[in-house]
Every structure is written in structure tokens, then in C-alpha cells.
Protein backbone atom coordinates (compact mmCIF):
# COMPACT_ATOMS: atom_id res chain seq x y z
CA MET A 1 -12.73 -17.58 -30.80
CA VAL A 2 -13.07 -15.37 -34.04
CA ASN A 3 -10.07 -14.21 -35.84
CA ARG A 4 -9.36 -10.32 -36.54
CA LYS A 5 -10.12 -11.09 -40.42
CA ARG A 6 -13.95 -12.94 -39.52
CA VAL A 7 -13.70 -9.18 -36.74
CA PHE A 8 -13.33 -7.22 -39.97
CA ASP A 9 -15.62 -8.72 -42.37
CA LEU A 10 -18.22 -8.20 -39.55
CA LEU A 11 -17.60 -5.16 -38.98
CA ARG A 12 -17.61 -3.82 -42.87
CA THR A 13 -21.66 -6.23 -42.81
CA ILE A 14 -22.20 -3.12 -40.20
CA ASN A 15 -20.90 -0.68 -42.29
CA VAL A 16 -23.04 -1.58 -45.57
CA ALA A 17 -25.84 -3.28 -44.16
CA SER A 18 -27.17 -0.41 -41.49
CA CYS A 19 -30.47 1.62 -41.46
CA GLN A 20 -29.98 3.88 -44.77
CA CYS A 21 -31.64 7.34 -44.13
CA PRO A 22 -33.25 8.79 -47.21
CA ALA A 23 -31.43 11.75 -46.65
CA HIS A 24 -27.84 10.07 -46.69
CA GLY A 25 -28.35 8.49 -49.84
CA ASN A 26 -29.44 4.73 -50.97
CA ARG A 27 -27.43 2.21 -51.53
CA GLY A 28 -29.50 -0.12 -53.25
CA ASN A 29 -30.75 -3.83 -52.65
CA ILE A 30 -27.83 -4.23 -49.45
CA GLN A 31 -28.77 -6.97 -47.17
CA VAL A 32 -27.05 -8.52 -43.88
CA SER A 33 -27.67 -11.65 -45.75
CA ASN A 34 -26.19 -10.76 -48.71
CA ALA A 35 -23.13 -8.13 -47.50
CA THR A 36 -20.57 -11.00 -46.49
CA PRO A 37 -20.31 -14.84 -47.17
CA GLN A 38 -18.94 -14.49 -43.59
CA LYS A 39 -21.99 -15.52 -41.73
CA ASP A 40 -21.79 -17.81 -38.87
CA TYR A 41 -20.49 -15.42 -36.12
CA ALA A 42 -22.13 -13.00 -33.86
CA PHE A 43 -20.26 -11.00 -31.74
CA GLU A 44 -21.35 -7.86 -28.66
CA ILE A 45 -18.74 -6.29 -26.72
CA LYS A 46 -19.54 -5.18 -23.58
CA CYS A 47 -17.95 -2.03 -22.51
CA SER A 48 -18.72 1.35 -20.57
CA THR A 49 -19.16 4.30 -22.33
CA VAL A 50 -15.74 6.07 -23.53
CA ARG A 51 -14.95 9.66 -23.72
CA TYR A 52 -11.54 10.48 -25.56
CA GLY A 53 -9.72 13.66 -25.75
CA LEU A 54 -7.13 16.25 -24.30
CA GLY A 55 -8.86 17.97 -21.67
CA VAL A 56 -11.86 16.11 -21.37
CA THR A 57 -12.08 16.08 -17.84
CA ARG A 58 -13.18 19.30 -17.54
CA GLU A 59 -16.44 18.21 -18.74
CA VAL A 60 -17.35 15.77 -15.86
CA GLY A 61 -18.72 18.60 -13.16
CA GLN A 62 -21.90 18.82 -16.16
CA ASP A 63 -22.43 15.11 -16.83
CA LEU A 64 -23.06 14.31 -12.78
CA VAL A 65 -25.13 17.36 -13.45
CA ASN A 66 -26.83 15.39 -16.53
CA MET A 67 -26.84 12.33 -14.33
CA ASN A 68 -28.71 14.64 -11.45
CA ALA A 69 -26.55 13.86 -8.98
CA LYS A 70 -26.35 15.86 -5.61
CA HIS A 71 -23.81 13.86 -3.44
CA VAL A 72 -20.90 12.49 -4.74
CA CYS A 73 -17.94 10.62 -4.02
CA VAL A 74 -14.55 11.65 -5.24
CA MET A 75 -12.20 8.73 -5.23
CA THR A 76 -8.43 8.64 -5.34
CA ASP A 77 -5.01 7.96 -3.46
CA PRO A 78 -2.81 9.44 -1.11
CA ASN A 79 -0.33 10.65 -4.05
CA VAL A 80 -3.18 11.59 -7.11
CA VAL A 81 -4.96 13.85 -4.63
CA LYS A 82 -1.38 16.04 -4.67
CA LEU A 83 -2.10 16.24 -8.47
CA ASP A 84 -3.81 18.32 -11.67
CA PRO A 85 -6.11 15.52 -12.28
CA VAL A 86 -7.93 15.68 -9.14
CA LYS A 87 -7.57 19.81 -9.26
CA ALA A 88 -9.82 19.27 -12.69
CA THR A 89 -12.06 16.97 -11.36
CA LEU A 90 -13.07 19.35 -8.48
CA ASP A 91 -12.80 23.19 -10.22
CA SER A 92 -15.18 21.13 -12.26
CA LEU A 93 -17.91 19.76 -9.92
CA THR A 94 -17.16 23.76 -8.14
CA ARG A 95 -18.18 24.66 -11.44
CA ASN A 96 -21.28 22.91 -11.88
CA GLY A 97 -22.61 23.30 -8.35
CA VAL A 98 -22.48 19.49 -6.98
CA ASN A 99 -21.82 18.60 -3.96
CA TYR A 100 -19.07 15.90 -3.16
CA LYS A 101 -16.85 14.69 -0.58
CA VAL A 102 -13.36 13.30 -1.02
CA TYR A 103 -12.02 10.14 0.40
CA ASP A 104 -8.09 10.26 -0.79
CA LYS A 105 -6.92 7.03 1.44
CA VAL A 106 -7.01 4.52 -1.48
CA ARG A 107 -4.49 1.61 -1.07
CA VAL A 108 -2.00 1.47 -4.24
CA GLU A 109 -2.42 -2.46 -4.63
CA PRO A 110 -5.64 -2.43 -2.84
CA THR A 111 -6.28 -4.88 0.46
CA ASP A 112 -9.66 -6.83 1.43
CA THR A 113 -8.68 -4.44 4.88
CA SER A 114 -8.37 -1.02 2.47
CA PHE A 115 -11.34 -1.80 0.86
CA LYS A 116 -13.11 -2.10 4.02
CA ASP A 117 -12.31 1.07 5.34
CA ALA A 118 -13.34 2.69 1.31
CA ILE A 119 -16.84 1.05 1.47
CA ALA A 120 -17.27 1.95 5.05
CA PHE A 121 -16.74 5.72 4.10
CA ALA A 122 -19.40 5.28 1.51
CA LYS A 123 -22.11 3.74 4.12
CA GLU A 124 -21.70 6.74 6.10
CA ASN A 125 -22.27 9.28 3.80
CA SER A 126 -25.05 7.83 2.17
CA PHE A 127 -23.29 9.04 -1.91
CA ASP A 128 -25.43 8.93 -4.87
CA SER A 129 -22.85 8.60 -7.88
CA PHE A 130 -18.90 7.86 -7.69
CA VAL A 131 -16.31 9.37 -9.63
CA ALA A 132 -12.81 7.54 -9.46
CA VAL A 133 -9.84 9.88 -9.83
CA GLY A 134 -6.45 7.77 -10.17
CA GLY A 135 -5.47 4.06 -11.62
CA GLY A 136 -6.63 0.82 -11.26
CA SER A 137 -6.25 0.50 -7.85
CA VAL A 138 -8.41 3.99 -7.13
CA MET A 139 -11.44 2.76 -9.81
CA ASP A 140 -11.28 -0.86 -8.34
CA THR A 141 -11.22 0.32 -4.53
CA CYS A 142 -13.99 2.75 -5.89
CA LYS A 143 -16.61 0.19 -7.85
CA ALA A 144 -16.00 -2.00 -4.38
CA ALA A 145 -17.31 1.03 -2.57
CA ASN A 146 -20.40 1.70 -4.82
CA LEU A 147 -21.13 -2.39 -4.45
CA TYR A 148 -21.51 -2.62 -0.77
CA SER A 149 -23.04 0.71 0.02
CA THR A 150 -25.30 0.02 -1.98
CA ASP A 151 -25.77 -3.06 -0.76
CA PRO A 152 -25.49 -2.77 2.88
CA ASP A 153 -26.35 -6.13 4.99
CA ALA A 154 -23.67 -7.97 2.06
CA ASP A 155 -21.10 -10.13 3.78
CA PHE A 156 -17.78 -9.44 1.85
CA LEU A 157 -17.34 -12.01 0.68
CA ASP A 158 -20.95 -12.06 -0.99
CA TYR A 159 -19.87 -10.50 -3.99
CA VAL A 160 -15.86 -12.54 -4.13
CA ASN A 161 -15.04 -14.71 -7.00
CA ALA A 162 -15.63 -18.27 -5.54
CA PRO A 163 -13.80 -20.42 -4.42
CA VAL A 164 -12.54 -17.94 -1.87
CA GLY A 165 -15.71 -15.90 -1.56
CA LYS A 166 -19.48 -17.16 -2.64
CA GLY A 167 -19.58 -16.08 -6.40
CA LYS A 168 -23.45 -14.31 -5.98
CA PRO A 169 -24.69 -12.51 -8.91
CA ILE A 170 -25.06 -8.61 -8.28
CA ASN A 171 -28.53 -8.02 -8.56
CA VAL A 172 -29.11 -3.92 -7.12
CA GLN A 173 -28.63 -1.44 -8.75
CA LEU A 174 -25.93 0.45 -8.40
CA LYS A 175 -25.00 4.16 -8.27
CA PRO A 176 -23.73 5.87 -11.43
CA MET A 177 -19.51 5.06 -11.80
CA ILE A 178 -16.82 7.70 -13.83
CA ALA A 179 -13.53 6.95 -14.20
CA ILE A 180 -10.71 9.04 -14.97
CA PRO A 181 -8.09 6.88 -15.05
CA THR A 182 -4.64 8.44 -14.29
CA THR A 183 -2.28 5.93 -15.77
CA SER A 184 -2.34 3.78 -18.58
CA GLY A 185 -2.05 0.65 -16.55
CA THR A 186 -5.46 -1.88 -16.09
CA GLY A 187 -7.65 -0.50 -18.16
CA SER A 188 -10.24 -0.56 -15.48
CA GLU A 189 -12.49 1.75 -16.78
CA THR A 190 -14.00 -0.26 -19.09
CA THR A 191 -14.53 -3.68 -16.71
CA GLY A 192 -16.45 -4.93 -14.27
CA VAL A 193 -13.59 -6.29 -12.73
CA SER A 194 -12.60 -5.06 -8.83
CA ILE A 195 -9.27 -6.88 -7.53
CA PHE A 196 -7.75 -6.87 -4.72
CA ASP A 197 -5.00 -8.83 -1.91
CA TYR A 198 -6.81 -11.05 0.28
CA GLU A 199 -4.67 -10.92 3.09
CA SER A 200 -5.27 -13.78 4.95
CA ILE A 201 -5.00 -16.45 2.15
CA HIS A 202 -1.35 -13.90 0.89
CA ALA A 203 -3.44 -14.28 -3.07
CA LYS A 204 -5.29 -11.98 -4.74
CA THR A 205 -9.14 -12.42 -5.90
CA GLY A 206 -11.69 -9.57 -6.50
CA ILE A 207 -15.30 -9.31 -7.96
CA SER A 208 -16.34 -9.51 -11.61
CA HIS A 209 -19.84 -8.68 -12.84
CA GLY A 210 -21.26 -6.00 -15.26
CA ALA A 211 -22.85 -4.37 -12.87
CA LEU A 212 -19.61 -2.80 -11.04
CA ARG A 213 -18.50 -1.39 -14.63
CA PRO A 214 -18.31 2.19 -14.96
CA VAL A 215 -21.07 4.17 -17.14
CA LEU A 216 -18.45 6.76 -18.37
CA ALA A 217 -14.89 6.74 -18.96
CA MET A 218 -13.29 9.83 -18.85
CA ILE A 219 -10.07 9.14 -21.06
CA ASP A 220 -7.97 12.43 -20.50
CA PRO A 221 -4.00 12.27 -21.84
CA LEU A 222 -3.52 15.45 -19.91
CA HIS A 223 -3.45 13.35 -16.96
CA THR A 224 -0.72 11.23 -18.36
CA LEU A 225 1.86 13.92 -17.82
CA THR A 226 3.00 12.86 -14.08
CA MET A 227 2.88 9.22 -14.36
CA PRO A 228 6.38 7.35 -13.53
CA GLU A 229 8.84 6.03 -16.56
CA LYS A 230 7.76 2.69 -16.48
CA LYS A 231 4.02 3.82 -17.15
CA TYR A 232 5.04 4.47 -20.68
CA PHE A 233 5.85 2.07 -23.75
CA THR A 234 8.81 2.35 -25.39
CA ARG A 235 8.29 5.81 -27.54
CA SER A 236 8.10 7.58 -24.02
CA VAL A 237 10.38 6.00 -21.33
CA TYR A 238 13.37 7.85 -23.28
CA ASN A 239 10.52 11.21 -23.78
CA ALA A 240 9.03 12.53 -21.23
CA ASP A 241 7.60 15.30 -23.33
CA ASP A 242 6.26 13.29 -25.81
CA LEU A 243 2.37 13.70 -25.21
CA GLU A 244 1.76 12.23 -28.44
CA ALA A 245 2.69 8.77 -27.84
CA ARG A 246 1.68 9.33 -23.99
CA SER A 247 -1.84 10.26 -25.32
CA CYS A 248 -1.72 6.98 -27.84
CA MET A 249 -0.49 5.11 -25.00
CA HIS A 250 -3.97 6.09 -22.52
CA LEU A 251 -6.61 5.09 -25.89
CA ALA A 252 -4.46 1.83 -26.04
CA ALA A 253 -4.58 0.41 -22.07
CA THR A 254 -8.84 1.48 -22.04
CA MET A 255 -9.04 -0.56 -25.57
CA ALA A 256 -6.82 -2.83 -23.86
CA GLY A 257 -9.90 -2.77 -21.35
CA VAL A 258 -12.35 -3.75 -23.60
CA GLY A 259 -10.84 -7.17 -24.16
CA ILE A 260 -10.22 -7.68 -20.81
CA GLY A 261 -13.89 -6.75 -20.03
CA ASN A 262 -15.03 -9.03 -22.90
CA ALA A 263 -12.54 -12.07 -23.15
CA GLY A 264 -10.95 -12.26 -20.17
CA VAL A 265 -7.69 -12.92 -19.38
CA HIS A 266 -5.76 -15.94 -18.03
CA LEU A 267 -2.63 -18.12 -16.87
CA CYS A 268 -0.38 -15.05 -16.84
CA HIS A 269 -2.59 -13.28 -13.98
CA GLY A 270 -3.90 -16.65 -12.42
CA LEU A 271 0.26 -17.04 -11.24
CA ALA A 272 0.13 -12.91 -11.01
CA TYR A 273 -2.25 -12.87 -7.91
CA PRO A 274 0.15 -15.23 -5.18
CA ILE A 275 2.89 -13.50 -6.57
CA ALA A 276 1.86 -10.29 -5.44
CA GLY A 277 0.33 -11.43 -2.23
CA ASN A 278 3.51 -12.89 -1.19
CA VAL A 279 5.96 -9.75 -1.27
CA LYS A 280 8.76 -9.88 0.57
CA SER A 281 11.09 -7.31 0.85
CA PHE A 282 10.60 -5.69 -2.77
CA VAL A 283 10.40 -1.97 -2.75
CA PRO A 284 9.55 -0.48 -6.31
CA ASN A 285 10.21 2.97 -7.25
CA ASP A 286 7.73 5.22 -7.33
CA TYR A 287 5.50 3.43 -4.91
CA GLY A 288 6.31 4.45 -1.12
CA ALA A 289 8.90 2.92 1.33
CA ASP A 290 6.45 -0.73 1.74
CA PRO A 291 7.47 -3.87 0.36
CA ILE A 292 5.01 -3.89 -2.73
CA ILE A 293 4.99 -5.81 -6.04
CA PRO A 294 2.29 -3.67 -8.24
CA HIS A 295 0.27 -5.80 -10.59
CA GLY A 296 1.46 -4.64 -14.02
CA LEU A 297 5.08 -6.45 -12.76
CA SER A 298 3.38 -9.64 -11.41
CA VAL A 299 1.53 -9.78 -14.62
CA VAL A 300 4.66 -9.49 -17.03
CA MET A 301 6.94 -11.99 -14.64
CA THR A 302 5.43 -14.96 -15.84
CA ALA A 303 4.26 -13.68 -19.44
CA PRO A 304 7.31 -15.14 -21.52
CA ALA A 305 7.38 -18.77 -19.85
CA VAL A 306 3.29 -18.92 -20.26
CA PHE A 307 3.10 -18.02 -24.45
CA ARG A 308 6.58 -20.55 -24.89
CA PHE A 309 3.21 -22.96 -22.88
CA THR A 310 0.32 -21.73 -24.69
CA GLY A 311 1.90 -21.32 -28.02
CA PRO A 312 1.30 -24.65 -29.18
CA SER A 313 -2.63 -24.30 -28.86
CA ASP A 314 -2.23 -21.76 -31.31
CA PRO A 315 0.07 -20.84 -33.24
CA ALA A 316 -0.75 -18.25 -35.75
CA LYS A 317 -2.63 -16.56 -33.13
CA HIS A 318 0.70 -16.54 -31.33
CA LEU A 319 2.30 -14.98 -34.11
CA GLU A 320 0.08 -12.81 -34.90
CA ALA A 321 0.79 -10.97 -31.03
CA ALA A 322 3.99 -10.94 -32.04
CA SER A 323 3.65 -9.38 -35.57
CA ILE A 324 1.41 -6.62 -33.95
CA LEU A 325 3.98 -6.16 -31.14
CA GLY A 326 6.48 -5.01 -34.11
CA ALA A 327 8.53 -8.35 -34.52
CA ASP A 328 9.00 -10.00 -38.33
CA VAL A 329 7.44 -13.37 -38.31
CA SER A 330 7.43 -13.90 -42.05
CA SER A 331 10.22 -16.54 -41.64
CA ALA A 332 9.42 -18.00 -38.33
CA LYS A 333 7.90 -21.78 -37.59
CA GLN A 334 4.42 -22.52 -36.22
CA ALA A 335 6.10 -24.55 -33.93
CA ASP A 336 8.37 -21.23 -32.90
CA ALA A 337 4.98 -19.50 -32.48
CA GLY A 338 5.34 -19.29 -28.67
CA LYS A 339 8.74 -18.93 -28.17
CA VAL A 340 9.01 -15.97 -30.86
CA LEU A 341 6.35 -13.76 -28.70
CA ALA A 342 7.95 -13.83 -25.73
CA GLU A 343 11.60 -12.79 -26.93
CA THR A 344 9.35 -10.04 -28.40
CA ILE A 345 7.50 -9.37 -24.77
CA LEU A 346 11.42 -9.84 -23.53
CA LYS A 347 12.90 -7.31 -25.76
CA TYR A 348 10.77 -4.93 -24.42
CA MET A 349 10.49 -5.52 -20.64
CA ASP A 350 14.68 -5.39 -21.43
CA THR A 351 14.49 -2.05 -23.32
CA MET A 352 12.26 -0.71 -19.89
CA LYS A 353 14.85 -2.57 -17.48
CA ILE A 354 11.68 -4.56 -16.25
CA GLU A 355 13.08 -6.41 -13.19
CA ASN A 356 15.05 -9.94 -14.70
CA GLY A 357 12.55 -12.46 -12.78
CA LEU A 358 11.11 -13.53 -9.82
CA SER A 359 14.34 -13.67 -8.16
CA THR A 360 14.82 -9.83 -8.17
CA LEU A 361 11.46 -9.49 -6.50
CA GLY A 362 12.54 -11.99 -3.83
CA TYR A 363 11.71 -15.23 -4.58
CA THR A 364 13.78 -18.48 -4.59
CA ARG A 365 13.27 -22.31 -5.55
CA GLU A 366 12.01 -23.22 -2.26
CA ASP A 367 8.61 -20.74 -2.19
CA ILE A 368 7.44 -22.27 -5.65
CA PRO A 369 5.02 -24.37 -3.71
CA GLU A 370 3.57 -21.61 -2.19
CA LEU A 371 2.98 -19.57 -5.30
CA VAL A 372 1.49 -22.35 -6.70
CA LYS A 373 -0.55 -23.13 -3.99
CA GLY A 374 -1.96 -19.43 -4.14
CA ALA A 375 -2.56 -19.91 -8.07
CA LEU A 376 -4.74 -23.22 -8.08
CA PRO A 377 -7.69 -21.18 -6.32
CA GLN A 378 -7.82 -18.67 -9.28
CA LYS A 379 -9.70 -21.21 -11.35
CA ARG A 380 -11.69 -18.22 -12.84
CA LEU A 381 -8.28 -17.27 -14.60
CA LEU A 382 -6.80 -20.73 -14.77
CA SER A 383 -9.42 -22.05 -16.91
CA MET A 384 -9.44 -19.74 -19.68
CA THR A 385 -6.51 -20.68 -20.31
CA PRO A 386 -6.14 -22.76 -24.04
CA LEU A 387 -4.59 -25.20 -22.91
CA PRO A 388 -5.06 -27.30 -19.30
CA GLN A 389 -2.21 -27.26 -17.03
CA THR A 390 -0.84 -29.73 -13.66
CA GLU A 391 -0.01 -28.59 -10.56
CA GLU A 392 3.62 -29.51 -12.16
CA ASP A 393 3.11 -27.51 -15.19
CA LEU A 394 2.31 -24.48 -12.92
CA SER A 395 5.62 -25.16 -10.59
CA LYS A 396 8.06 -25.02 -14.25
CA LEU A 397 6.50 -22.25 -15.38
CA LEU A 398 8.03 -20.35 -12.30
CA GLU A 399 10.49 -21.70 -11.84
CA ASP A 400 11.37 -21.03 -15.76
CA SER A 401 9.78 -17.29 -14.35
CA LEU A 402 12.80 -17.09 -11.71
CA THR A 403 15.56 -15.24 -14.19
CA ILE A 404 13.91 -14.19 -17.61
CA TYR A 405 16.79 -12.05 -19.31
């Protein structure tokens, strides 16, 4: 994997070696071959077009007009439909004469059943474009509705990742989709990933293909004003009016989504899927009355244990991550890299009053074999981990995550 120094060298190369316009000066004999001594890497960034700024949602109607949209599906959930982000979206569509229908039944932490309901709505109405207004659950559901309504004869498992599904590539041209995130969380607005809880196996899986990526992500910090407090990072946890902090977090989530969409994710996510899929009686604040383990919570529960485990694979990168998160690593030993990153994450979790491990979510040691069983099919994620892992390793990581403070 390319380190940060190499990436910055490449960006400098692009800056100095790009085609020069006579109207904007001539820098002399500058070529890619002599701009930097570091020539052994190339990279590409796959990403939705991103538009960021306060109030950009008011432009969505004009964007749809420019796309020649005639019949738009606006997808959201029962909570967000009552809030300003949806109102701003619909006002813009109405102002620009765009015909639309609203689907507001998206399930937070969607399941295959809730996906199929949204898909049926999309099939019945023959939409030519989609707008998702909400968090990751809304955007992921909208991607699935777009896909299966565009390919109405496909079996549901055709595009679901193997080994749960058939993992077929997407060869149909999807309808344009615009994503308007209202949380700073999944980064789904820039990825080709759609995740759901497959109820029959009590674990999450999903669909992963670049064709699912929205054509436009509209990042409007005004939409963060109604987020629950656990959605903010440290500064805005205790200052609900800090729009600057919320704006930065909103942009950071999108940039993280770009990273996820290009580099992928690994063990924390692979373990998170059975953690969320086997929920017992845990009911988080701000999520209604039904038992549910939100995606972010299920991922972060094992993060400290996972990074202690992966630390030896690349100590420098683990220390760099800890440093970016504010840790002083000047005297840290390479052998302690995973531990340093884990402790840094734990400090944030403690500050934000994140639950104290899997035991607070209702799990015990007796549940670990079932959680391991649910993680093993997540081969796409487990194979991305920088160290190989056995079933015993997974059991140990889950056991270490029962209590984390």
C-alpha cells in the first residue's frame, strides 16, 4: 500500500507536470519523468462527484433537470421525512418542476425484507432517477432499489456478495442517483457498497460494485443540525451549536467514504456483521423501541482488539493513524504500535460514552462461537485484513471485546 509521502509526491507531480496553457504561464521544461524521483507507483481515485457547502441541497432540483429527470424517487426514512433535509429537497424539486414520489419506509439498519419492500416500490413506479436523503441505511436501500428496478428479472441473490449470494457483476446501466447524507457516518454517498442484514443467517452482507456509486453526493452541513449527539466527534459532542465542527465532520465522513470505496475495509467490519445480525435486546438511544445494534457501534466494539492484533503487520502505519487522531507517538515503540492506536481509539470512545464492550450489548462468552460462525462467510472483508486469522484468532478478538474499558 502506498504511504502518505508517496501520495503527496504524486500529487506534486500532477501539480507541476500538468498540461500548461499559454495564457497561464509557462514553467519551462517540466515533465512527469523529471518532476519527482519516485516513479514506481500510479493510482486512481474512484469516487462520486462531491459538492460541499452550506445549503447546496437547494440545487438538487436543477441538477435533476440537467439530467433530464422526469420521474424521481425520493427515498428517506420515517424520521428524516419530517425534518428540514427532506423539506429542502422537495422544495427544490417543486421549484424546478420535477415530478417525484416519496418512499419514507426505509428501515434503519436495513434487512433483506426492507430492501425488497423498497425494490417493489421502485419497480411499480418506473423511476428514471433516484435521490436518497438520510443516513447510510437510506443510501444503501436506495442503491438496491435502483439496481433491482433497473434489472427487474434478477433474483435477489444474484448481486449479493459471495458466498452468501452469487456475486454477479452488474452489467446493466443504473439510473442516476443523487445522495444527500444527513449523518456523518458511513460515507455511503461516495461508495459502490450497499449493506443489509440477511435475516436468515443473522449476519450482514451486501452488494459491492462501482455501478452502485451515486453520480453526485451533495454534502450540506446544515443537515447535521438534528443528528443525535453520538454522531459528532469530540468537539461537537458537548456543543450542539458548533456548526464548524459538524461541517468538518460531515466532510470527513465523505472523505472516509472515498477511502472505503477505494481501499476497502477489513476485520472490524467482518466481525461487526454477526454482532449486529444477532442482536438480542439492546435498544440504543434515538433509534426507536426495537432491539438494534447500529452499524457504527458494531464496528467500533472490536476496533481496539483488532488493531492490537494487526499492529505487527505495519507498525509505522498504526502509529501514523494514532498520531493523526492526536496521540503523541514520539517515544512510542514499534512493538507497541497496535496498542497505542487501540488506546487512542478507546480514549475517544470513553469520551463519547460508547458502550463498554459486547457485554453491554447483551453478549456473553457463550455467544462467541455463533458470532465467529457469522463472521467466517465474510471472506471479502476477512481477506482484506493485513494478517491472516484463524477461528481461534476471531474467538480471541471477540472475547477481548466483551469488556473494553
